[in-house]
């Protein structure tokens, strides 16, 4: 029987090799059987192991595109990826919050690429603190979490400003262990695979899988758990830095 798929939106960068950014997000959306839309925040020149250049899209053009989609589609959930600064981020969030559909908002807090290219302007990182309560979830990796903690923005020993999924891919003490901080509980999401291959854009895939699961009506815990399972399958889909998307 025909069933209409929920609309989900990725607001993120364009990666020409397809491993990260909006191309990776839309591939992930399709595998989760949600209808993927995309608005580009940056046009990058990169391969799976190096970022050569980043050209930011004017925020006015980004907002115009988002508004056009919001006016036509009832968007259930939104993933925000790479952005240059807090003002840019806040402008996107403000537009989404003004929408009648009130979509779920997830920020994949990409501060720099795995190859070392800095994206987010760290001079105004402290301003992010006032934006965080407007997110349903943020997904920092271990290094990003530690940096945000050093800037007094996040702290696992205090109440979080929003739901936080601390990704464990860069952990040395418990590699692969993700920790989900919600308003009332803390959940450990353990890896199932004993070993995995590293992948370019793995954070993009995980966050977009979470967004898709939330749009499908899953709880935050279940959305993150199922997304981790999808991610592990993606990581082990090939031994190379570019993976293959499939729902196993």
Protein backbone atom coordinates (compact mmCIF):
# COMPACT_ATOMS: atom_id res chain seq x y z
CA UNK A 1 0.00 0.00 0.00
CA UNK A 2 1.20 3.50 -0.81
CA UNK A 3 2.38 5.47 2.21
CA UNK A 4 3.60 9.06 1.97
CA UNK A 5 7.15 9.52 3.19
CA UNK A 6 7.93 12.31 5.67
CA UNK A 7 9.98 15.21 4.28
CA UNK A 8 13.39 15.78 5.82
CA UNK A 9 15.87 18.54 5.03
CA UNK A 10 19.66 18.69 5.08
CA UNK A 11 21.21 22.15 5.37
CA UNK A 12 24.87 21.38 4.86
CA UNK A 13 27.90 21.59 2.59
CA UNK A 14 28.42 20.06 -0.84
CA UNK A 15 31.19 17.47 -1.08
CA UNK A 16 31.94 16.55 -4.70
CA UNK A 17 33.22 13.08 -3.79
CA UNK A 18 29.86 12.30 -2.17
CA UNK A 19 31.19 10.90 1.07
CA UNK A 20 30.03 13.79 3.25
CA UNK A 21 27.64 16.73 3.21
CA UNK A 22 24.30 16.90 1.45
CA UNK A 23 25.06 14.07 -0.99
CA UNK A 24 25.78 11.67 1.87
CA UNK A 25 22.73 12.93 3.74
CA UNK A 26 20.33 12.40 0.85
CA UNK A 27 21.74 8.90 0.20
CA UNK A 28 21.08 8.10 3.86
CA UNK A 29 17.58 9.60 3.73
CA UNK A 30 16.69 7.44 0.74
CA UNK A 31 17.79 4.25 2.48
CA UNK A 32 15.55 5.15 5.42
CA UNK A 33 12.58 5.76 3.10
CA UNK A 34 12.12 9.42 3.93
CA UNK A 35 11.88 12.13 1.29
CA UNK A 36 15.15 14.04 1.29
CA UNK A 37 15.53 17.75 0.51
CA UNK A 38 18.75 19.76 0.61
CA UNK A 39 20.04 23.34 0.87
CA UNK A 40 23.76 23.99 0.40
CA UNK A 41 25.69 26.08 2.96
CA UNK A 42 29.10 25.68 1.36
CA UNK A 43 30.59 24.56 -1.93
CA UNK A 44 33.72 22.61 -1.10
CA UNK A 45 36.49 21.16 -3.20
CA UNK A 46 37.59 17.98 -1.49
CA UNK A 47 38.33 14.31 -1.85
CA UNK A 48 37.90 11.59 0.71
CA UNK A 49 41.17 12.53 2.43
CA UNK A 50 41.72 16.25 1.85
CA UNK A 51 39.78 19.53 1.80
CA UNK A 52 41.23 21.97 -0.74
CA UNK A 53 38.83 24.89 -0.50
CA UNK A 54 35.52 26.04 1.00
CA UNK A 55 33.29 28.72 -0.53
CA UNK A 56 30.49 29.73 1.80
CA UNK A 57 27.06 30.38 0.35
CA UNK A 58 25.62 33.76 1.35
CA UNK A 59 23.25 33.35 4.27
CA UNK A 60 20.60 35.34 2.40
CA UNK A 61 20.55 32.71 -0.35
CA UNK A 62 20.48 29.87 2.17
CA UNK A 63 17.52 31.38 4.03
CA UNK A 64 15.67 32.08 0.77
CA UNK A 65 16.03 28.42 -0.22
CA UNK A 66 14.94 27.14 3.18
CA UNK A 67 11.88 29.41 3.21
CA UNK A 68 10.84 28.25 -0.26
CA UNK A 69 10.97 24.60 0.83
CA UNK A 70 9.19 25.29 4.12
CA UNK A 71 6.41 27.10 2.28
CA UNK A 72 5.81 24.18 -0.07
CA UNK A 73 6.62 21.08 2.00
CA UNK A 74 5.68 20.12 5.54
CA UNK A 75 9.18 19.29 6.70
CA UNK A 76 9.28 16.91 9.65
CA UNK A 77 12.96 17.12 10.61
CA UNK A 78 16.08 19.07 9.68
CA UNK A 79 19.76 18.24 9.90
CA UNK A 80 22.16 21.20 9.97
CA UNK A 81 25.74 20.45 9.01
CA UNK A 82 28.73 22.64 8.36
CA UNK A 83 28.30 26.39 8.96
CA UNK A 84 30.93 29.15 9.29
CA UNK A 85 29.86 30.92 12.49
CA UNK A 86 27.20 31.36 15.17
CA UNK A 87 25.30 34.16 13.40
CA UNK A 88 24.93 31.98 10.31
CA UNK A 89 23.72 29.10 12.48
CA UNK A 90 21.28 31.24 14.45
CA UNK A 91 19.76 32.67 11.28
CA UNK A 92 18.99 29.16 10.03
CA UNK A 93 17.52 28.11 13.37
CA UNK A 94 15.36 31.24 13.57
CA UNK A 95 13.84 30.58 10.15
CA UNK A 96 13.10 26.97 11.03
CA UNK A 97 11.49 27.94 14.33
CA UNK A 98 9.23 30.44 12.58
CA UNK A 99 7.87 27.69 10.35
CA UNK A 100 4.37 26.43 11.04
CA UNK A 101 5.62 22.84 10.75
CA UNK A 102 8.04 23.31 13.71
CA UNK A 103 10.49 20.66 12.49
CA UNK A 104 12.80 18.61 14.68
CA UNK A 105 16.26 20.21 14.47
CA UNK A 106 19.54 18.29 14.75
CA UNK A 107 22.92 20.01 14.51
CA UNK A 108 25.93 17.93 13.53
CA UNK A 109 28.41 20.29 15.19
CA UNK A 110 31.23 20.03 12.64
CA UNK A 111 34.02 22.34 13.80
CA UNK A 112 36.73 20.95 11.54
CA UNK A 113 37.18 18.15 9.02
CA UNK A 114 38.89 14.89 9.90
CA UNK A 115 41.75 16.02 7.66
CA UNK A 116 42.21 19.14 9.81
CA UNK A 117 40.41 21.87 7.85
CA UNK A 118 38.72 24.32 10.25
CA UNK A 119 35.15 25.22 9.32
CA UNK A 120 33.56 26.99 12.29
CA UNK A 121 34.97 30.36 13.37
CA UNK A 122 36.24 29.62 16.86
CA UNK A 123 36.40 33.33 17.74
CA UNK A 124 32.65 33.36 18.33
CA UNK A 125 32.14 29.76 19.46
CA UNK A 126 30.90 30.97 22.86
CA UNK A 127 27.83 32.45 21.17
CA UNK A 128 26.71 28.91 20.33
CA UNK A 129 25.67 28.43 23.95
CA UNK A 130 22.58 30.60 23.55
CA UNK A 131 21.51 28.73 20.40
CA UNK A 132 21.75 25.20 21.82
CA UNK A 133 18.37 25.20 23.64
CA UNK A 134 16.69 25.53 20.23
CA UNK A 135 18.06 22.16 19.06
CA UNK A 136 16.45 18.80 19.68
CA UNK A 137 19.88 17.17 19.44
CA UNK A 138 23.51 17.95 18.69
CA UNK A 139 26.04 15.27 17.73
CA UNK A 140 29.62 16.27 18.63
CA UNK A 141 32.43 13.75 18.35
CA UNK A 142 34.69 13.24 21.36
CA UNK A 143 37.21 15.91 20.31
CA UNK A 144 34.45 18.44 19.57
CA UNK A 145 32.79 17.68 22.89
CA UNK A 146 36.05 18.20 24.77
CA UNK A 147 36.59 21.53 23.00
CA UNK A 148 33.03 22.70 23.74
CA UNK A 149 33.56 21.61 27.33
CA UNK A 150 36.75 23.67 27.56
CA UNK A 151 34.74 26.69 26.39
CA UNK A 152 32.12 26.07 29.14
CA UNK A 153 29.44 25.28 26.58
CA UNK A 154 28.91 21.60 27.41
CA UNK A 155 29.65 19.58 30.52
CA UNK A 156 28.66 15.98 31.16
CA UNK A 157 28.44 16.71 34.90
CA UNK A 158 25.86 19.45 34.47
CA UNK A 159 22.44 19.64 32.87
CA UNK A 160 22.83 19.82 29.10
CA UNK A 161 21.19 22.71 27.20
CA UNK A 162 19.66 20.18 24.79
CA UNK A 163 19.90 16.48 23.99
CA UNK A 164 23.52 15.60 23.20
CA UNK A 165 24.90 12.50 21.49
CA UNK A 166 28.58 12.21 22.34
CA UNK A 167 30.05 10.09 19.57
CA UNK A 168 32.76 7.66 20.60
CA UNK A 169 34.76 7.23 17.43
CA UNK A 170 37.71 9.29 18.74
CA UNK A 171 37.66 7.94 22.28
CA UNK A 172 40.71 6.14 23.58
CA UNK A 173 39.17 4.83 26.81
CA UNK A 174 36.02 3.32 25.28
CA UNK A 175 36.31 3.42 21.50
CA UNK A 176 32.99 3.30 19.69
CA UNK A 177 30.87 3.94 22.78
CA UNK A 178 28.29 6.67 22.13
CA UNK A 179 26.62 8.41 25.07
CA UNK A 180 23.21 10.03 24.74
CA UNK A 181 22.43 12.76 27.25
CA UNK A 182 18.72 13.58 27.50
CA UNK A 183 16.90 15.83 29.94
CA UNK A 184 16.35 13.07 32.47
CA UNK A 185 18.60 10.16 31.55
CA UNK A 186 21.97 9.12 30.18
CA UNK A 187 22.16 6.15 27.79
CA UNK A 188 25.23 4.23 26.70
CA UNK A 189 24.93 3.05 23.09
CA UNK A 190 27.52 0.34 22.65
CA UNK A 191 28.99 -0.73 19.30
CA UNK A 192 27.96 -4.11 17.92
CA UNK A 193 30.83 -4.54 15.49
CA UNK A 194 34.18 -5.53 17.01
CA UNK A 195 36.12 -3.73 14.29
CA UNK A 196 35.17 -1.16 11.68
CA UNK A 197 36.84 0.66 8.80
CA UNK A 198 37.13 4.43 9.02
CA UNK A 199 35.02 6.44 6.61
CA UNK A 200 35.03 9.97 5.26
CA UNK A 201 31.78 11.69 6.27
CA UNK A 202 30.76 9.17 8.91
CA UNK A 203 29.41 11.93 11.16
CA UNK A 204 27.21 13.22 8.35
CA UNK A 205 25.78 9.77 7.77
CA UNK A 206 25.09 9.17 11.46
CA UNK A 207 23.35 12.51 12.02
CA UNK A 208 21.22 12.20 8.88
CA UNK A 209 20.23 8.66 9.88
CA UNK A 210 19.13 10.00 13.26
CA UNK A 211 17.11 12.75 11.58
CA UNK A 212 15.42 10.20 9.32
CA UNK A 213 14.56 7.97 12.28
CA UNK A 214 13.13 10.89 14.26
CA UNK A 215 11.04 11.91 11.26
CA UNK A 216 9.68 8.36 11.17
CA UNK A 217 8.44 8.78 14.75
CA UNK A 218 11.10 6.93 16.72
CA UNK A 219 12.12 8.04 20.19
CA UNK A 220 15.44 9.85 20.60
CA UNK A 221 17.09 6.79 22.13
CA UNK A 222 15.79 4.43 19.44
CA UNK A 223 16.65 6.87 16.65
CA UNK A 224 20.24 7.13 17.85
CA UNK A 225 20.57 3.38 18.44
CA UNK A 226 19.21 2.45 15.01
CA UNK A 227 21.37 5.13 13.38
CA UNK A 228 24.46 3.66 15.03
CA UNK A 229 23.60 0.24 13.61
CA UNK A 230 23.18 1.78 10.16
CA UNK A 231 26.51 3.57 10.61
CA UNK A 232 28.37 0.38 11.52
CA UNK A 233 27.03 -1.33 8.41
CA UNK A 234 28.14 1.68 6.39
CA UNK A 235 31.62 1.67 7.94
CA UNK A 236 32.09 -1.99 7.08
CA UNK A 237 30.61 -1.74 3.58
CA UNK A 238 34.12 -1.36 2.15
CA UNK A 239 37.72 -1.16 3.43
CA UNK A 240 38.14 2.26 1.82
CA UNK A 241 37.34 5.80 3.03
CA UNK A 242 34.24 5.93 0.81
CA UNK A 243 31.45 3.58 1.80
CA UNK A 244 28.27 2.18 0.29
CA UNK A 245 24.77 2.89 1.57
CA UNK A 246 22.40 0.01 2.10
CA UNK A 247 19.69 -0.92 4.58
CA UNK A 248 20.70 -4.32 5.96
